[in-house]
Amino acid sequence: MAGLLCGTKRKKQVSDLHEEGKNAINAPLLPPGTDVHPEDTLLEENAERIMLDPTSRENPKFKDLQKVLIDWINSELEDDRIIVKDLEEDCYDGQVLQKLFEKLSGRKLNIAEVTQSEIGQKQKLQTVLEAVNDLLRPHGWTIEWSVDSLHSKNLVSIVYLLVSLAMHFQAPIRLPEHVSVQVVMVKKREGILQSSLVTKELTSTTELMMGRFERDAFDTLLDHAPDKLNVVKTSLITFVNKQLNKLNLEVTELESQFADGVYLILLMGLLEDYFVPLYNFFLTPESFEQKVHNVAFAFELMQDGGLKKPKARPEDVVNVNLKSTLRVLYNLFTNYKNSE
C-alpha cells in the first residue's frame, strides 16, 4: 500500500511538472497576472484566443462604461423585470440580448424564451446575432463579436456589441469618451503559443462615434455662436434663482454651483412643490461619489415629475461639464418656465 501511494504521488509530481513546463514553454510572453486556461494550450494550429488584460479590467473609465451600459439595459428592460448586474454573467446566454434587441428594434424574434443547455444558448445567440449583424452591417459597423466570444463571457466582445447597439439606436445616454482596453491575443504557431498585447478602442468622442448621437442646440451654440452663450446662461440663472431665492439661495455660476447636485435636488422640490427629506441626499457632499449620488437622485426626481431621463450623465455634471449642465437646466426651463 505504501508503495502504491508513493507511486501515485510520484506520478502526480511528474504530471504537475509536465504541466508547469508546458505553460512555461507555451506562454512566455503573457503579461503578469494573465490566466492561462487549459483550453488555451489545446488551441488548434493557427487558431487564436483573445483575453482582456487584467490591468484594463480595473481601468476606471472601462468600469464607468460598463456601469453606463448596465443602467441603460436596466432602464430599457424595466417592464420585463430584468435586472442586469454583471455584463459577463448576465449577457453570455443570449436572453438579455434577445430582449434588448426586441425592445430597441420593435421586432419579435422567433426563439425559445428560456434555454438552459449550452447548445440551446448558442442557438439563441446565433439567432440574435444574425438579426443584429443584418441590421448593423449595412451601416458600416465592424462586427467585433461572435457566438463563441459572447458565450465564453468575453467582456470586450460584449461591450463592443452593446456600444454599437447604443449608438445605432441613439440611446438617451452619454457614453464615456476615449475608452480603450488592452487585450492579450494568443495564437498557436507550430505548436507554440505566441501572445501579444493589442489596444482596442471601445469609444471615441461623442461627436465622432459614427455620428450616431444627435447634436443638440447646445453643441451648435458652443461651436458656432459662443457670443450667445451668455444670453442663454443669464436666462437660466434668472429661472433657477426665481425658485432658489425662496430658500434664500442664489446662483451666479451655473456649471460650478450645480456640480454637487444639492441645488438640483432643492430646485426639483421647489418646482414640484414638495420637501425632499435630507436623509435622501448629501447636503454637504465631500467625495466625488457623494456628488454623483446627489445628481443621480435629482435625475430620478425629474423622471418622477414626468420628464425624460436626462441625456447628460451625473458624472459629467459633477465634472463641471458646461454642456451637460446646460442640457439638464434647459430641460427644466422648458417644462417649468411658467411656474411661480
C-alpha atoms as a PDB file:
ATOM      1  CA  MET A   1       0.000   0.000   0.000  1.00  0.00           C
ATOM      2  CA  ALA A   2       2.819   2.388   0.909  1.00  0.00           C
ATOM      3  CA  GLY A   3       4.481   1.638  -2.402  1.00  0.00           C
ATOM      4  CA  LEU A   4       1.210   2.290  -4.285  1.00  0.00           C
ATOM      5  CA  LEU A   5       0.751   5.660  -2.554  1.00  0.00           C
ATOM      6  CA  CYS A   6       4.350   6.595  -3.222  1.00  0.00           C
ATOM      7  CA  GLY A   7       3.951   5.693  -6.876  1.00  0.00           C
ATOM      8  CA  THR A   8       0.735   7.699  -7.187  1.00  0.00           C
ATOM      9  CA  LYS A   9       2.378  10.738  -5.568  1.00  0.00           C
ATOM     10  CA  ARG A  10       5.370  10.447  -7.888  1.00  0.00           C
ATOM     11  CA  LYS A  11       3.068  10.318 -10.949  1.00  0.00           C
ATOM     12  CA  LYS A  12       1.259  13.457  -9.748  1.00  0.00           C
ATOM     13  CA  GLN A  13       4.558  15.263  -9.279  1.00  0.00           C
ATOM     14  CA  VAL A  14       5.613  14.277 -12.801  1.00  0.00           C
ATOM     15  CA  SER A  15       2.227  15.413 -14.161  1.00  0.00           C
ATOM     16  CA  ASP A  16       2.440  18.754 -12.318  1.00  0.00           C
ATOM     17  CA  LEU A  17       5.992  19.262 -13.556  1.00  0.00           C
ATOM     18  CA  HIS A  18       4.905  18.478 -17.117  1.00  0.00           C
ATOM     19  CA  GLU A  19       2.009  20.988 -16.868  1.00  0.00           C
ATOM     20  CA  GLU A  20       4.293  23.652 -15.412  1.00  0.00           C
ATOM     21  CA  GLY A  21       6.816  23.095 -18.168  1.00  0.00           C
ATOM     22  CA  LYS A  22       4.138  23.210 -20.866  1.00  0.00           C
ATOM     23  CA  ASN A  23       2.832  26.533 -19.581  1.00  0.00           C
ATOM     24  CA  ALA A  24       6.343  27.931 -19.294  1.00  0.00           C
ATOM     25  CA  ILE A  25       7.131  26.978 -22.889  1.00  0.00           C
ATOM     26  CA  ASN A  26       3.777  27.844 -24.412  1.00  0.00           C
ATOM     27  CA  ALA A  27       3.133  31.208 -22.752  1.00  0.00           C
ATOM     28  CA  PRO A  28       6.452  33.011 -22.264  1.00  0.00           C
ATOM     29  CA  LEU A  29       5.113  36.381 -23.390  1.00  0.00           C
ATOM     30  CA  LEU A  30       1.869  36.583 -21.404  1.00  0.00           C
ATOM     31  CA  PRO A  31       1.619  39.681 -19.164  1.00  0.00           C
ATOM     32  CA  PRO A  32       1.866  39.068 -15.408  1.00  0.00           C
ATOM     33  CA  GLY A  33      -1.469  38.186 -13.864  1.00  0.00           C
ATOM     34  CA  THR A  34      -2.973  36.766 -17.073  1.00  0.00           C
ATOM     35  CA  ASP A  35      -4.702  33.453 -16.503  1.00  0.00           C
ATOM     36  CA  VAL A  36      -3.692  30.638 -18.855  1.00  0.00           C
ATOM     37  CA  HIS A  37      -6.759  28.475 -19.295  1.00  0.00           C
ATOM     38  CA  PRO A  38      -6.359  24.788 -20.056  1.00  0.00           C
ATOM     39  CA  GLU A  39      -8.233  25.240 -23.356  1.00  0.00           C
ATOM     40  CA  ASP A  40      -5.589  27.764 -24.476  1.00  0.00           C
ATOM     41  CA  THR A  41      -2.986  25.023 -24.675  1.00  0.00           C
ATOM     42  CA  LEU A  42      -5.425  22.974 -26.757  1.00  0.00           C
ATOM     43  CA  LEU A  43      -5.827  25.605 -29.479  1.00  0.00           C
ATOM     44  CA  GLU A  44      -5.674  24.263 -32.989  1.00  0.00           C
ATOM     45  CA  GLU A  45      -2.798  25.324 -35.211  1.00  0.00           C
ATOM     46  CA  ASN A  46      -3.157  28.974 -36.363  1.00  0.00           C
ATOM     47  CA  ALA A  47      -6.175  29.465 -34.066  1.00  0.00           C
ATOM     48  CA  GLU A  48      -6.286  32.401 -31.689  1.00  0.00           C
ATOM     49  CA  ARG A  49      -7.934  33.407 -28.428  1.00  0.00           C
ATOM     50  CA  ILE A  50      -8.453  36.935 -27.088  1.00  0.00           C
ATOM     51  CA  MET A  51      -8.400  37.745 -23.361  1.00  0.00           C
ATOM     52  CA  LEU A  52      -8.828  41.028 -21.516  1.00  0.00           C
ATOM     53  CA  ASP A  53      -5.594  42.226 -19.935  1.00  0.00           C
ATOM     54  CA  PRO A  54      -6.025  42.279 -16.115  1.00  0.00           C
ATOM     55  CA  THR A  55      -4.884  45.902 -15.815  1.00  0.00           C
ATOM     56  CA  SER A  56      -7.565  47.037 -18.274  1.00  0.00           C
ATOM     57  CA  ARG A  57     -10.252  45.270 -16.263  1.00  0.00           C
ATOM     58  CA  GLU A  58      -9.520  47.692 -13.414  1.00  0.00           C
ATOM     59  CA  ASN A  59      -9.448  50.766 -15.674  1.00  0.00           C
ATOM     60  CA  PRO A  60     -11.850  53.329 -14.090  1.00  0.00           C
ATOM     61  CA  LYS A  61     -13.093  54.539 -17.485  1.00  0.00           C
ATOM     62  CA  PHE A  62     -13.788  50.960 -18.586  1.00  0.00           C
ATOM     63  CA  LYS A  63     -15.685  50.342 -15.362  1.00  0.00           C
ATOM     64  CA  ASP A  64     -17.620  53.558 -15.908  1.00  0.00           C
ATOM     65  CA  LEU A  65     -18.558  52.454 -19.422  1.00  0.00           C
ATOM     66  CA  GLN A  66     -19.852  49.140 -18.092  1.00  0.00           C
ATOM     67  CA  LYS A  67     -21.968  50.942 -15.490  1.00  0.00           C
ATOM     68  CA  VAL A  68     -23.490  53.251 -18.119  1.00  0.00           C
ATOM     69  CA  LEU A  69     -24.368  50.242 -20.286  1.00  0.00           C
ATOM     70  CA  ILE A  70     -25.832  48.300 -17.348  1.00  0.00           C
ATOM     71  CA  ASP A  71     -28.003  51.261 -16.296  1.00  0.00           C
ATOM     72  CA  TRP A  72     -29.166  51.682 -19.895  1.00  0.00           C
ATOM     73  CA  ILE A  73     -30.111  48.000 -20.267  1.00  0.00           C
ATOM     74  CA  ASN A  74     -31.986  48.014 -16.962  1.00  0.00           C
ATOM     75  CA  SER A  75     -33.864  51.154 -17.982  1.00  0.00           C
ATOM     76  CA  GLU A  76     -34.851  49.650 -21.333  1.00  0.00           C
ATOM     77  CA  LEU A  77     -35.922  46.298 -19.859  1.00  0.00           C
ATOM     78  CA  GLU A  78     -37.617  47.630 -16.746  1.00  0.00           C
ATOM     79  CA  ASP A  79     -41.057  46.495 -17.951  1.00  0.00           C
ATOM     80  CA  ASP A  80     -39.703  42.965 -18.434  1.00  0.00           C
ATOM     81  CA  ARG A  81     -38.476  42.968 -14.830  1.00  0.00           C
ATOM     82  CA  ILE A  82     -34.985  42.127 -15.993  1.00  0.00           C
ATOM     83  CA  ILE A  83     -32.142  43.417 -13.840  1.00  0.00           C
ATOM     84  CA  VAL A  84     -28.571  43.181 -15.109  1.00  0.00           C
ATOM     85  CA  LYS A  85     -25.814  43.400 -12.521  1.00  0.00           C
ATOM     86  CA  ASP A  86     -22.813  41.991 -14.374  1.00  0.00           C
ATOM     87  CA  LEU A  87     -22.338  42.098 -18.156  1.00  0.00           C
ATOM     88  CA  GLU A  88     -20.263  38.918 -18.337  1.00  0.00           C
ATOM     89  CA  GLU A  89     -22.599  36.812 -16.221  1.00  0.00           C
ATOM     90  CA  ASP A  90     -25.901  38.228 -17.474  1.00  0.00           C
ATOM     91  CA  CYS A  91     -25.332  38.634 -21.226  1.00  0.00           C
ATOM     92  CA  TYR A  92     -23.492  35.489 -22.295  1.00  0.00           C
ATOM     93  CA  ASP A  93     -26.515  33.204 -22.807  1.00  0.00           C
ATOM     94  CA  GLY A  94     -28.439  35.484 -25.195  1.00  0.00           C
ATOM     95  CA  GLN A  95     -31.520  36.007 -23.012  1.00  0.00           C
ATOM     96  CA  VAL A  96     -30.849  39.662 -22.149  1.00  0.00           C
ATOM     97  CA  LEU A  97     -29.515  40.446 -25.626  1.00  0.00           C
ATOM     98  CA  GLN A  98     -32.672  38.997 -27.188  1.00  0.00           C
ATOM     99  CA  LYS A  99     -34.956  41.140 -25.024  1.00  0.00           C
ATOM    100  CA  LEU A 100     -32.832  44.240 -25.570  1.00  0.00           C
ATOM    101  CA  PHE A 101     -32.760  43.838 -29.352  1.00  0.00           C
ATOM    102  CA  GLU A 102     -36.509  43.198 -29.491  1.00  0.00           C
ATOM    103  CA  LYS A 103     -37.191  46.306 -27.403  1.00  0.00           C
ATOM    104  CA  LEU A 104     -34.888  48.547 -29.448  1.00  0.00           C
ATOM    105  CA  SER A 105     -35.856  47.271 -32.899  1.00  0.00           C
ATOM    106  CA  GLY A 106     -39.526  46.583 -32.304  1.00  0.00           C
ATOM    107  CA  ARG A 107     -39.022  43.117 -33.806  1.00  0.00           C
ATOM    108  CA  LYS A 108     -40.030  39.852 -32.202  1.00  0.00           C
ATOM    109  CA  LEU A 109     -37.504  37.060 -32.734  1.00  0.00           C
ATOM    110  CA  ASN A 110     -38.806  33.535 -33.232  1.00  0.00           C
ATOM    111  CA  ILE A 111     -36.785  31.940 -30.471  1.00  0.00           C
ATOM    112  CA  ALA A 112     -37.279  29.962 -27.270  1.00  0.00           C
ATOM    113  CA  GLU A 113     -37.658  32.188 -24.225  1.00  0.00           C
ATOM    114  CA  VAL A 114     -35.516  30.187 -21.795  1.00  0.00           C
ATOM    115  CA  THR A 115     -32.747  27.734 -22.659  1.00  0.00           C
ATOM    116  CA  GLN A 116     -30.557  26.028 -20.065  1.00  0.00           C
ATOM    117  CA  SER A 117     -28.343  23.829 -22.239  1.00  0.00           C
ATOM    118  CA  GLU A 118     -25.168  25.132 -23.844  1.00  0.00           C
ATOM    119  CA  ILE A 119     -26.422  24.089 -27.282  1.00  0.00           C
ATOM    120  CA  GLY A 120     -29.714  25.912 -26.729  1.00  0.00           C
ATOM    121  CA  GLN A 121     -27.936  29.045 -25.512  1.00  0.00           C
ATOM    122  CA  LYS A 122     -25.645  29.095 -28.531  1.00  0.00           C
ATOM    123  CA  GLN A 123     -28.591  28.600 -30.870  1.00  0.00           C
ATOM    124  CA  LYS A 124     -30.328  31.553 -29.219  1.00  0.00           C
ATOM    125  CA  LEU A 125     -27.172  33.657 -29.555  1.00  0.00           C
ATOM    126  CA  GLN A 126     -26.856  32.654 -33.200  1.00  0.00           C
ATOM    127  CA  THR A 127     -30.395  33.829 -33.941  1.00  0.00           C
ATOM    128  CA  VAL A 128     -29.947  37.098 -32.032  1.00  0.00           C
ATOM    129  CA  LEU A 129     -26.574  37.890 -33.611  1.00  0.00           C
ATOM    130  CA  GLU A 130     -27.827  37.150 -37.113  1.00  0.00           C
ATOM    131  CA  ALA A 131     -30.564  39.741 -36.577  1.00  0.00           C
ATOM    132  CA  VAL A 132     -28.138  42.231 -35.017  1.00  0.00           C
ATOM    133  CA  ASN A 133     -25.496  41.788 -37.718  1.00  0.00           C
ATOM    134  CA  ASP A 134     -28.049  42.050 -40.528  1.00  0.00           C
ATOM    135  CA  LEU A 135     -29.149  45.357 -39.037  1.00  0.00           C
ATOM    136  CA  LEU A 136     -25.717  46.851 -38.338  1.00  0.00           C
ATOM    137  CA  ARG A 137     -23.579  45.616 -41.245  1.00  0.00           C
ATOM    138  CA  PRO A 138     -25.256  47.719 -43.972  1.00  0.00           C
ATOM    139  CA  HIS A 139     -24.469  50.815 -41.893  1.00  0.00           C
ATOM    140  CA  GLY A 140     -20.743  50.097 -41.906  1.00  0.00           C
ATOM    141  CA  TRP A 141     -20.337  48.590 -38.449  1.00  0.00           C
ATOM    142  CA  THR A 142     -17.372  46.294 -37.861  1.00  0.00           C
ATOM    143  CA  ILE A 143     -18.534  43.042 -36.272  1.00  0.00           C
ATOM    144  CA  GLU A 144     -16.282  42.519 -33.250  1.00  0.00           C
ATOM    145  CA  TRP A 145     -18.254  39.694 -31.659  1.00  0.00           C
ATOM    146  CA  SER A 146     -19.301  36.106 -32.327  1.00  0.00           C
ATOM    147  CA  VAL A 147     -21.386  33.377 -30.753  1.00  0.00           C
ATOM    148  CA  ASP A 148     -18.306  31.760 -29.216  1.00  0.00           C
ATOM    149  CA  SER A 149     -16.825  35.005 -27.869  1.00  0.00           C
ATOM    150  CA  LEU A 150     -20.093  36.036 -26.214  1.00  0.00           C
ATOM    151  CA  HIS A 151     -20.856  32.599 -24.800  1.00  0.00           C
ATOM    152  CA  SER A 152     -17.329  32.355 -23.380  1.00  0.00           C
ATOM    153  CA  LYS A 153     -18.090  35.617 -21.492  1.00  0.00           C
ATOM    154  CA  ASN A 154     -15.580  37.699 -23.413  1.00  0.00           C
ATOM    155  CA  LEU A 155     -16.227  41.091 -21.815  1.00  0.00           C
ATOM    156  CA  VAL A 156     -14.652  43.091 -24.644  1.00  0.00           C
ATOM    157  CA  SER A 157     -16.938  41.463 -27.238  1.00  0.00           C
ATOM    158  CA  ILE A 158     -19.994  42.028 -25.052  1.00  0.00           C
ATOM    159  CA  VAL A 159     -19.128  45.704 -24.554  1.00  0.00           C
ATOM    160  CA  TYR A 160     -18.388  46.173 -28.272  1.00  0.00           C
ATOM    161  CA  LEU A 161     -21.828  44.812 -29.120  1.00  0.00           C
ATOM    162  CA  LEU A 162     -23.674  46.913 -26.540  1.00  0.00           C
ATOM    163  CA  VAL A 163     -21.852  50.118 -27.506  1.00  0.00           C
ATOM    164  CA  SER A 164     -22.730  49.502 -31.166  1.00  0.00           C
ATOM    165  CA  LEU A 165     -26.403  48.960 -30.317  1.00  0.00           C
ATOM    166  CA  ALA A 166     -26.481  52.045 -28.085  1.00  0.00           C
ATOM    167  CA  MET A 167     -25.020  54.228 -30.823  1.00  0.00           C
ATOM    168  CA  HIS A 168     -27.094  52.747 -33.648  1.00  0.00           C
ATOM    169  CA  PHE A 169     -30.371  53.245 -31.782  1.00  0.00           C
ATOM    170  CA  GLN A 170     -29.274  56.647 -30.453  1.00  0.00           C
ATOM    171  CA  ALA A 171     -29.738  55.614 -26.837  1.00  0.00           C
ATOM    172  CA  PRO A 172     -30.503  58.543 -24.493  1.00  0.00           C
ATOM    173  CA  ILE A 173     -27.193  58.095 -22.696  1.00  0.00           C
ATOM    174  CA  ARG A 174     -23.761  59.676 -22.809  1.00  0.00           C
ATOM    175  CA  LEU A 175     -21.054  57.078 -23.237  1.00  0.00           C
ATOM    176  CA  PRO A 176     -17.697  57.887 -21.610  1.00  0.00           C
ATOM    177  CA  GLU A 177     -15.283  59.158 -24.225  1.00  0.00           C
ATOM    178  CA  HIS A 178     -11.923  57.676 -25.261  1.00  0.00           C
ATOM    179  CA  VAL A 179     -12.316  54.304 -23.547  1.00  0.00           C
ATOM    180  CA  SER A 180      -9.657  51.816 -24.646  1.00  0.00           C
ATOM    181  CA  VAL A 181      -8.575  48.458 -23.263  1.00  0.00           C
ATOM    182  CA  GLN A 182      -5.672  46.145 -23.896  1.00  0.00           C
ATOM    183  CA  VAL A 183      -6.348  42.571 -24.869  1.00  0.00           C
ATOM    184  CA  VAL A 184      -3.983  39.625 -24.955  1.00  0.00           C
ATOM    185  CA  MET A 185      -4.100  37.862 -28.307  1.00  0.00           C
ATOM    186  CA  VAL A 186      -2.890  34.272 -28.031  1.00  0.00           C
ATOM    187  CA  LYS A 187      -2.112  32.443 -31.289  1.00  0.00           C
ATOM    188  CA  LYS A 188      -0.772  28.965 -31.914  1.00  0.00           C
ATOM    189  CA  ARG A 189       2.109  28.743 -34.413  1.00  0.00           C
ATOM    190  CA  GLU A 190       3.950  25.476 -34.999  1.00  0.00           C
ATOM    191  CA  GLY A 191       2.581  24.081 -31.768  1.00  0.00           C
ATOM    192  CA  ILE A 192       3.740  27.032 -29.626  1.00  0.00           C
ATOM    193  CA  LEU A 193       1.504  29.696 -28.119  1.00  0.00           C
ATOM    194  CA  GLN A 194       2.506  33.244 -29.039  1.00  0.00           C
ATOM    195  CA  SER A 195       0.946  36.246 -27.345  1.00  0.00           C
ATOM    196  CA  SER A 196       0.818  39.976 -27.950  1.00  0.00           C
ATOM    197  CA  LEU A 197      -0.897  42.993 -26.411  1.00  0.00           C
ATOM    198  CA  VAL A 198      -3.311  44.858 -28.662  1.00  0.00           C
ATOM    199  CA  THR A 199      -5.175  48.078 -27.832  1.00  0.00           C
ATOM    200  CA  LYS A 200      -8.888  48.072 -28.608  1.00  0.00           C
ATOM    201  CA  GLU A 201     -10.770  51.373 -28.808  1.00  0.00           C
ATOM    202  CA  LEU A 202     -14.297  50.981 -27.461  1.00  0.00           C
ATOM    203  CA  THR A 203     -15.436  54.618 -27.668  1.00  0.00           C
ATOM    204  CA  SER A 204     -14.066  57.812 -29.184  1.00  0.00           C
ATOM    205  CA  THR A 205     -15.629  61.260 -28.765  1.00  0.00           C
ATOM    206  CA  THR A 206     -19.364  61.714 -28.555  1.00  0.00           C
ATOM    207  CA  GLU A 207     -19.354  63.697 -31.789  1.00  0.00           C
ATOM    208  CA  LEU A 208     -17.238  61.197 -33.719  1.00  0.00           C
ATOM    209  CA  MET A 209     -18.798  57.926 -32.606  1.00  0.00           C
ATOM    210  CA  MET A 210     -20.114  57.069 -36.051  1.00  0.00           C
ATOM    211  CA  GLY A 211     -22.224  60.229 -35.978  1.00  0.00           C
ATOM    212  CA  ARG A 212     -24.896  58.284 -34.146  1.00  0.00           C
ATOM    213  CA  PHE A 213     -25.551  60.810 -31.412  1.00  0.00           C
ATOM    214  CA  GLU A 214     -27.654  63.736 -32.474  1.00  0.00           C
ATOM    215  CA  ARG A 215     -26.056  67.087 -31.915  1.00  0.00           C
ATOM    216  CA  ASP A 216     -28.360  69.324 -29.959  1.00  0.00           C
ATOM    217  CA  ALA A 217     -28.822  73.062 -29.653  1.00  0.00           C
ATOM    218  CA  PHE A 218     -26.016  73.422 -27.135  1.00  0.00           C
ATOM    219  CA  ASP A 219     -23.471  71.742 -29.394  1.00  0.00           C
ATOM    220  CA  THR A 220     -24.374  74.242 -32.114  1.00  0.00           C
ATOM    221  CA  LEU A 221     -24.414  77.115 -29.653  1.00  0.00           C
ATOM    222  CA  LEU A 222     -20.966  76.405 -28.257  1.00  0.00           C
ATOM    223  CA  ASP A 223     -19.428  75.671 -31.657  1.00  0.00           C
ATOM    224  CA  HIS A 224     -20.924  78.421 -33.772  1.00  0.00           C
ATOM    225  CA  ALA A 225     -22.456  81.082 -31.541  1.00  0.00           C
ATOM    226  CA  PRO A 226     -20.431  81.346 -28.332  1.00  0.00           C
ATOM    227  CA  ASP A 227     -21.371  85.025 -28.133  1.00  0.00           C
ATOM    228  CA  LYS A 228     -24.975  83.982 -27.465  1.00  0.00           C
ATOM    229  CA  LEU A 229     -23.977  81.604 -24.692  1.00  0.00           C
ATOM    230  CA  ASN A 230     -24.088  84.326 -22.025  1.00  0.00           C
ATOM    231  CA  VAL A 231     -27.627  85.216 -23.054  1.00  0.00           C
ATOM    232  CA  VAL A 232     -28.734  81.612 -22.514  1.00  0.00           C
ATOM    233  CA  LYS A 233     -26.871  81.350 -19.210  1.00  0.00           C
ATOM    234  CA  THR A 234     -28.448  84.590 -17.984  1.00  0.00           C
ATOM    235  CA  SER A 235     -31.932  83.292 -18.821  1.00  0.00           C
ATOM    236  CA  LEU A 236     -31.300  80.033 -16.986  1.00  0.00           C
ATOM    237  CA  ILE A 237     -29.820  81.807 -13.969  1.00  0.00           C
ATOM    238  CA  THR A 238     -32.907  84.022 -13.781  1.00  0.00           C
ATOM    239  CA  PHE A 239     -35.125  80.932 -13.996  1.00  0.00           C
ATOM    240  CA  VAL A 240     -33.390  78.946 -11.241  1.00  0.00           C
ATOM    241  CA  ASN A 241     -32.981  81.944  -8.905  1.00  0.00           C
ATOM    242  CA  LYS A 242     -36.693  82.656  -9.126  1.00  0.00           C
ATOM    243  CA  GLN A 243     -37.133  79.357  -7.288  1.00  0.00           C
ATOM    244  CA  LEU A 244     -33.993  79.153  -5.150  1.00  0.00           C
ATOM    245  CA  ASN A 245     -34.485  82.671  -3.771  1.00  0.00           C
ATOM    246  CA  LYS A 246     -37.432  81.224  -1.839  1.00  0.00           C
ATOM    247  CA  LEU A 247     -34.800  79.414   0.263  1.00  0.00           C
ATOM    248  CA  ASN A 248     -32.526  82.480   0.373  1.00  0.00           C
ATOM    249  CA  LEU A 249     -30.172  80.783  -2.099  1.00  0.00           C
ATOM    250  CA  GLU A 250     -28.712  82.329  -5.230  1.00  0.00           C
ATOM    251  CA  VAL A 251     -26.812  81.040  -8.247  1.00  0.00           C
ATOM    252  CA  THR A 252     -24.199  83.051 -10.116  1.00  0.00           C
ATOM    253  CA  GLU A 253     -22.178  80.258 -11.776  1.00  0.00           C
ATOM    254  CA  LEU A 254     -24.259  77.553 -13.455  1.00  0.00           C
ATOM    255  CA  GLU A 255     -21.595  74.924 -14.081  1.00  0.00           C
ATOM    256  CA  SER A 256     -19.929  75.031 -10.659  1.00  0.00           C
ATOM    257  CA  GLN A 257     -22.869  75.603  -8.312  1.00  0.00           C
ATOM    258  CA  PHE A 258     -24.881  72.655  -9.645  1.00  0.00           C
ATOM    259  CA  ALA A 259     -21.911  70.279  -9.718  1.00  0.00           C
ATOM    260  CA  ASP A 260     -22.585  68.714  -6.306  1.00  0.00           C
ATOM    261  CA  GLY A 261     -26.275  68.076  -7.045  1.00  0.00           C
ATOM    262  CA  VAL A 262     -27.628  69.863  -3.958  1.00  0.00           C
ATOM    263  CA  TYR A 263     -29.149  72.810  -5.802  1.00  0.00           C
ATOM    264  CA  LEU A 264     -30.606  70.468  -8.434  1.00  0.00           C
ATOM    265  CA  ILE A 265     -32.412  68.465  -5.736  1.00  0.00           C
ATOM    266  CA  LEU A 266     -33.699  71.568  -3.959  1.00  0.00           C
ATOM    267  CA  LEU A 267     -34.783  73.053  -7.280  1.00  0.00           C
ATOM    268  CA  MET A 268     -36.839  69.963  -8.135  1.00  0.00           C
ATOM    269  CA  GLY A 269     -38.539  70.119  -4.733  1.00  0.00           C
ATOM    270  CA  LEU A 270     -39.442  73.764  -5.306  1.00  0.00           C
ATOM    271  CA  LEU A 271     -40.678  73.190  -8.858  1.00  0.00           C
ATOM    272  CA  GLU A 272     -42.809  70.206  -7.838  1.00  0.00           C
ATOM    273  CA  ASP A 273     -43.820  71.794  -4.519  1.00  0.00           C
ATOM    274  CA  TYR A 274     -42.606  69.153  -2.073  1.00  0.00           C
ATOM    275  CA  PHE A 275     -39.954  68.831   0.620  1.00  0.00           C
ATOM    276  CA  VAL A 276     -37.089  66.460  -0.106  1.00  0.00           C
ATOM    277  CA  PRO A 277     -36.072  64.632   3.103  1.00  0.00           C
ATOM    278  CA  LEU A 278     -32.466  65.399   3.977  1.00  0.00           C
ATOM    279  CA  TYR A 279     -31.652  61.713   4.525  1.00  0.00           C
ATOM    280  CA  ASN A 280     -32.165  61.073   0.802  1.00  0.00           C
ATOM    281  CA  PHE A 281     -29.088  63.025  -0.238  1.00  0.00           C
ATOM    282  CA  PHE A 282     -25.827  64.554   0.974  1.00  0.00           C
ATOM    283  CA  LEU A 283     -26.417  68.176   1.972  1.00  0.00           C
ATOM    284  CA  THR A 284     -22.676  68.851   2.130  1.00  0.00           C
ATOM    285  CA  PRO A 285     -21.115  66.240  -0.165  1.00  0.00           C
ATOM    286  CA  GLU A 286     -17.380  65.820   0.095  1.00  0.00           C
ATOM    287  CA  SER A 287     -16.436  62.961  -2.215  1.00  0.00           C
ATOM    288  CA  PHE A 288     -16.965  62.533  -5.933  1.00  0.00           C
ATOM    289  CA  GLU A 289     -19.211  59.529  -5.253  1.00  0.00           C
ATOM    290  CA  GLN A 290     -21.457  61.538  -2.938  1.00  0.00           C
ATOM    291  CA  LYS A 291     -21.846  64.265  -5.560  1.00  0.00           C
ATOM    292  CA  VAL A 292     -22.679  61.694  -8.251  1.00  0.00           C
ATOM    293  CA  HIS A 293     -25.262  60.195  -5.881  1.00  0.00           C
ATOM    294  CA  ASN A 294     -26.876  63.609  -5.482  1.00  0.00           C
ATOM    295  CA  VAL A 295     -27.048  64.373  -9.199  1.00  0.00           C
ATOM    296  CA  ALA A 296     -28.353  60.875  -9.998  1.00  0.00           C
ATOM    297  CA  PHE A 297     -31.015  61.329  -7.305  1.00  0.00           C
ATOM    298  CA  ALA A 298     -32.002  64.678  -8.851  1.00  0.00           C
ATOM    299  CA  PHE A 299     -32.371  62.898 -12.199  1.00  0.00           C
ATOM    300  CA  GLU A 300     -34.707  60.384 -10.539  1.00  0.00           C
ATOM    301  CA  LEU A 301     -36.833  63.226  -9.190  1.00  0.00           C
ATOM    302  CA  MET A 302     -37.026  64.689 -12.706  1.00  0.00           C
ATOM    303  CA  GLN A 303     -38.258  61.388 -14.099  1.00  0.00           C
ATOM    304  CA  ASP A 304     -40.766  61.104 -11.246  1.00  0.00           C
ATOM    305  CA  GLY A 305     -42.024  64.525 -12.344  1.00  0.00           C
ATOM    306  CA  GLY A 306     -42.719  63.216 -15.839  1.00  0.00           C
ATOM    307  CA  LEU A 307     -39.551  64.443 -17.546  1.00  0.00           C
ATOM    308  CA  LYS A 308     -37.471  62.201 -19.789  1.00  0.00           C
ATOM    309  CA  LYS A 309     -34.244  60.826 -18.391  1.00  0.00           C
ATOM    310  CA  PRO A 310     -31.541  63.473 -18.973  1.00  0.00           C
ATOM    311  CA  LYS A 311     -29.082  62.660 -21.743  1.00  0.00           C
ATOM    312  CA  ALA A 312     -26.263  64.010 -19.602  1.00  0.00           C
ATOM    313  CA  ARG A 313     -24.520  61.653 -17.190  1.00  0.00           C
ATOM    314  CA  PRO A 314     -24.354  62.547 -13.484  1.00  0.00           C
ATOM    315  CA  GLU A 315     -20.556  62.211 -13.702  1.00  0.00           C
ATOM    316  CA  ASP A 316     -20.430  64.894 -16.418  1.00  0.00           C
ATOM    317  CA  VAL A 317     -22.364  67.377 -14.289  1.00  0.00           C
ATOM    318  CA  VAL A 318     -20.095  66.664 -11.316  1.00  0.00           C
ATOM    319  CA  ASN A 319     -17.058  67.166 -13.545  1.00  0.00           C
ATOM    320  CA  VAL A 320     -18.338  70.691 -14.310  1.00  0.00           C
ATOM    321  CA  ASN A 321     -19.118  69.920 -17.945  1.00  0.00           C
ATOM    322  CA  LEU A 322     -20.914  73.049 -19.133  1.00  0.00           C
ATOM    323  CA  LYS A 323     -22.888  71.447 -21.968  1.00  0.00           C
ATOM    324  CA  SER A 324     -24.175  68.693 -19.686  1.00  0.00           C
ATOM    325  CA  THR A 325     -25.286  71.159 -17.022  1.00  0.00           C
ATOM    326  CA  LEU A 326     -26.941  73.389 -19.620  1.00  0.00           C
ATOM    327  CA  ARG A 327     -28.845  70.427 -21.075  1.00  0.00           C
ATOM    328  CA  VAL A 328     -30.222  69.482 -17.665  1.00  0.00           C
ATOM    329  CA  LEU A 329     -31.231  73.031 -16.708  1.00  0.00           C
ATOM    330  CA  TYR A 330     -32.698  73.831 -20.105  1.00  0.00           C
ATOM    331  CA  ASN A 331     -34.851  70.711 -19.859  1.00  0.00           C
ATOM    332  CA  LEU A 332     -36.203  72.034 -16.564  1.00  0.00           C
ATOM    333  CA  PHE A 333     -36.647  75.504 -18.059  1.00  0.00           C
ATOM    334  CA  THR A 334     -38.775  74.271 -20.969  1.00  0.00           C
ATOM    335  CA  ASN A 335     -41.013  72.282 -18.616  1.00  0.00           C
ATOM    336  CA  TYR A 336     -41.336  74.702 -15.694  1.00  0.00           C
ATOM    337  CA  LYS A 337     -40.697  78.193 -17.127  1.00  0.00           C
ATOM    338  CA  ASN A 338     -44.219  79.301 -16.227  1.00  0.00           C
ATOM    339  CA  SER A 339     -44.035  78.011 -12.652  1.00  0.00           C
ATOM    340  CA  GLU A 340     -44.456  80.584  -9.915  1.00  0.00           C
END
